[in-house]
């Protein structure tokens, strides 16, 4: 069931990143495909961290991992994707929102 929780995290993170790209100033040319790619990287790294830590990871750990990974992926993604420009403050706000979403998700209940 960890796969289902990770898939749910992927979908929600993709939606959050695409909404943040339109709502927060400081994101330049963030396309839906870029948000999906960022969500995929965030979900894979979050899955790796959660499987390393254990399936019954604490909620605050999922939120903290989501915050750190999202911050690195969002801010570091502009060096990989040449057309995306993100200010450090915008990356911090977006990572905070992704971390809060990962904290609030009921993934612990989805894992058997």
C-alpha atoms as a PDB file:
ATOM      1  CA  UNK A   1       0.000   0.000   0.000  1.00  0.00           C
ATOM      2  CA  UNK A   2       3.005   2.318   0.130  1.00  0.00           C
ATOM      3  CA  UNK A   3       2.699   2.516  -3.660  1.00  0.00           C
ATOM      4  CA  UNK A   4      -0.840   3.880  -3.353  1.00  0.00           C
ATOM      5  CA  UNK A   5       0.251   6.456  -0.793  1.00  0.00           C
ATOM      6  CA  UNK A   6       3.142   7.526  -3.039  1.00  0.00           C
ATOM      7  CA  UNK A   7       0.844   7.746  -6.066  1.00  0.00           C
ATOM      8  CA  UNK A   8      -1.568   9.888  -4.068  1.00  0.00           C
ATOM      9  CA  UNK A   9       1.328  12.096  -2.964  1.00  0.00           C
ATOM     10  CA  UNK A  10       2.415  12.415  -6.610  1.00  0.00           C
ATOM     11  CA  UNK A  11      -1.015  13.532  -7.819  1.00  0.00           C
ATOM     12  CA  UNK A  12      -1.526  16.017  -5.001  1.00  0.00           C
ATOM     13  CA  UNK A  13       2.007  17.412  -5.345  1.00  0.00           C
ATOM     14  CA  UNK A  14       1.534  17.865  -9.113  1.00  0.00           C
ATOM     15  CA  UNK A  15      -1.705  19.769  -8.550  1.00  0.00           C
ATOM     16  CA  UNK A  16      -0.151  21.887  -5.793  1.00  0.00           C
ATOM     17  CA  UNK A  17       2.906  22.726  -7.905  1.00  0.00           C
ATOM     18  CA  UNK A  18       0.815  23.682 -10.893  1.00  0.00           C
ATOM     19  CA  UNK A  19      -1.421  25.904  -8.751  1.00  0.00           C
ATOM     20  CA  UNK A  20       1.554  27.471  -7.003  1.00  0.00           C
ATOM     21  CA  UNK A  21       3.152  28.198 -10.370  1.00  0.00           C
ATOM     22  CA  UNK A  22       0.179  30.360 -11.293  1.00  0.00           C
ATOM     23  CA  UNK A  23      -0.592  31.932  -7.913  1.00  0.00           C
ATOM     24  CA  UNK A  24       2.815  32.847  -6.485  1.00  0.00           C
ATOM     25  CA  UNK A  25       4.832  35.556  -8.199  1.00  0.00           C
ATOM     26  CA  UNK A  26       8.424  34.592  -8.859  1.00  0.00           C
ATOM     27  CA  UNK A  27       7.751  31.538 -11.029  1.00  0.00           C
ATOM     28  CA  UNK A  28       8.532  32.115 -14.656  1.00  0.00           C
ATOM     29  CA  UNK A  29       7.078  29.890 -17.389  1.00  0.00           C
ATOM     30  CA  UNK A  30       6.143  26.931 -15.177  1.00  0.00           C
ATOM     31  CA  UNK A  31       4.258  24.579 -17.468  1.00  0.00           C
ATOM     32  CA  UNK A  32       2.067  21.666 -16.373  1.00  0.00           C
ATOM     33  CA  UNK A  33       4.653  19.178 -17.672  1.00  0.00           C
ATOM     34  CA  UNK A  34       7.310  20.836 -15.524  1.00  0.00           C
ATOM     35  CA  UNK A  35       5.039  20.564 -12.481  1.00  0.00           C
ATOM     36  CA  UNK A  36       4.437  16.868 -13.213  1.00  0.00           C
ATOM     37  CA  UNK A  37       8.171  16.263 -13.633  1.00  0.00           C
ATOM     38  CA  UNK A  38       8.901  18.051 -10.359  1.00  0.00           C
ATOM     39  CA  UNK A  39       6.144  16.101  -8.599  1.00  0.00           C
ATOM     40  CA  UNK A  40       7.556  12.851  -9.955  1.00  0.00           C
ATOM     41  CA  UNK A  41      11.020  13.635  -8.597  1.00  0.00           C
ATOM     42  CA  UNK A  42       9.568  14.757  -5.247  1.00  0.00           C
ATOM     43  CA  UNK A  43       7.455  11.586  -4.990  1.00  0.00           C
ATOM     44  CA  UNK A  44      10.301   9.240  -5.896  1.00  0.00           C
ATOM     45  CA  UNK A  45      12.670  10.868  -3.395  1.00  0.00           C
ATOM     46  CA  UNK A  46       9.927  10.920  -0.752  1.00  0.00           C
ATOM     47  CA  UNK A  47       9.211   7.242  -1.391  1.00  0.00           C
ATOM     48  CA  UNK A  48      12.907   6.428  -1.054  1.00  0.00           C
ATOM     49  CA  UNK A  49      13.169   8.364   2.200  1.00  0.00           C
ATOM     50  CA  UNK A  50       9.996   6.816   3.600  1.00  0.00           C
ATOM     51  CA  UNK A  51      11.021   3.281   2.673  1.00  0.00           C
ATOM     52  CA  UNK A  52      14.461   3.905   4.189  1.00  0.00           C
ATOM     53  CA  UNK A  53      12.962   5.287   7.399  1.00  0.00           C
ATOM     54  CA  UNK A  54      10.195   2.712   7.556  1.00  0.00           C
ATOM     55  CA  UNK A  55       6.612   2.428   6.453  1.00  0.00           C
ATOM     56  CA  UNK A  56       5.266   3.819   9.720  1.00  0.00           C
ATOM     57  CA  UNK A  57       7.132   7.099   9.545  1.00  0.00           C
ATOM     58  CA  UNK A  58       5.886   9.945  11.691  1.00  0.00           C
ATOM     59  CA  UNK A  59       3.727  12.605  10.073  1.00  0.00           C
ATOM     60  CA  UNK A  60       6.158  15.412  10.842  1.00  0.00           C
ATOM     61  CA  UNK A  61       8.933  13.426   9.149  1.00  0.00           C
ATOM     62  CA  UNK A  62       6.855  13.126   5.958  1.00  0.00           C
ATOM     63  CA  UNK A  63       6.213  16.868   6.079  1.00  0.00           C
ATOM     64  CA  UNK A  64       9.864  17.702   6.714  1.00  0.00           C
ATOM     65  CA  UNK A  65      11.046  15.402   3.935  1.00  0.00           C
ATOM     66  CA  UNK A  66       8.452  16.925   1.611  1.00  0.00           C
ATOM     67  CA  UNK A  67       9.622  20.428   2.513  1.00  0.00           C
ATOM     68  CA  UNK A  68      13.335  19.771   2.025  1.00  0.00           C
ATOM     69  CA  UNK A  69      12.970  17.689  -1.131  1.00  0.00           C
ATOM     70  CA  UNK A  70      10.471  20.102  -2.683  1.00  0.00           C
ATOM     71  CA  UNK A  71      12.726  23.072  -1.933  1.00  0.00           C
ATOM     72  CA  UNK A  72      15.712  21.389  -3.525  1.00  0.00           C
ATOM     73  CA  UNK A  73      13.759  20.169  -6.535  1.00  0.00           C
ATOM     74  CA  UNK A  74      11.960  23.464  -7.173  1.00  0.00           C
ATOM     75  CA  UNK A  75      15.008  25.685  -6.784  1.00  0.00           C
ATOM     76  CA  UNK A  76      17.407  23.210  -8.415  1.00  0.00           C
ATOM     77  CA  UNK A  77      15.005  22.510 -11.246  1.00  0.00           C
ATOM     78  CA  UNK A  78      15.699  25.858 -12.830  1.00  0.00           C
ATOM     79  CA  UNK A  79      19.242  24.757 -13.614  1.00  0.00           C
ATOM     80  CA  UNK A  80      17.942  21.647 -15.404  1.00  0.00           C
ATOM     81  CA  UNK A  81      14.999  23.306 -17.116  1.00  0.00           C
ATOM     82  CA  UNK A  82      16.377  26.394 -18.811  1.00  0.00           C
ATOM     83  CA  UNK A  83      13.027  28.132 -19.319  1.00  0.00           C
ATOM     84  CA  UNK A  84      11.947  27.971 -15.652  1.00  0.00           C
ATOM     85  CA  UNK A  85      13.042  30.786 -13.349  1.00  0.00           C
ATOM     86  CA  UNK A  86      12.240  30.639  -9.636  1.00  0.00           C
ATOM     87  CA  UNK A  87      13.173  33.161  -6.976  1.00  0.00           C
ATOM     88  CA  UNK A  88      14.446  31.777  -3.651  1.00  0.00           C
ATOM     89  CA  UNK A  89      11.478  33.216  -1.754  1.00  0.00           C
ATOM     90  CA  UNK A  90       9.007  31.638  -4.186  1.00  0.00           C
ATOM     91  CA  UNK A  91      10.778  28.276  -3.859  1.00  0.00           C
ATOM     92  CA  UNK A  92      10.567  28.579  -0.062  1.00  0.00           C
ATOM     93  CA  UNK A  93       6.845  29.346  -0.152  1.00  0.00           C
ATOM     94  CA  UNK A  94       6.164  26.515  -2.598  1.00  0.00           C
ATOM     95  CA  UNK A  95       8.215  24.051  -0.539  1.00  0.00           C
ATOM     96  CA  UNK A  96       6.323  25.106   2.593  1.00  0.00           C
ATOM     97  CA  UNK A  97       2.994  24.416   0.904  1.00  0.00           C
ATOM     98  CA  UNK A  98       4.175  21.027  -0.390  1.00  0.00           C
ATOM     99  CA  UNK A  99       5.550  20.139   3.070  1.00  0.00           C
ATOM    100  CA  UNK A 100       2.252  21.087   4.720  1.00  0.00           C
ATOM    101  CA  UNK A 101       0.323  19.008   2.190  1.00  0.00           C
ATOM    102  CA  UNK A 102       2.612  16.029   2.814  1.00  0.00           C
ATOM    103  CA  UNK A 103       2.132  16.517   6.549  1.00  0.00           C
ATOM    104  CA  UNK A 104      -1.657  16.639   6.252  1.00  0.00           C
ATOM    105  CA  UNK A 105      -1.993  13.628   3.944  1.00  0.00           C
ATOM    106  CA  UNK A 106      -3.284  10.452   5.611  1.00  0.00           C
ATOM    107  CA  UNK A 107      -0.570   8.218   4.168  1.00  0.00           C
ATOM    108  CA  UNK A 108      -0.006   6.443   7.479  1.00  0.00           C
ATOM    109  CA  UNK A 109      -3.556   5.138   7.347  1.00  0.00           C
ATOM    110  CA  UNK A 110      -3.110   3.967   3.751  1.00  0.00           C
ATOM    111  CA  UNK A 111      -0.082   1.786   4.566  1.00  0.00           C
ATOM    112  CA  UNK A 112      -0.972  -1.634   5.896  1.00  0.00           C
END
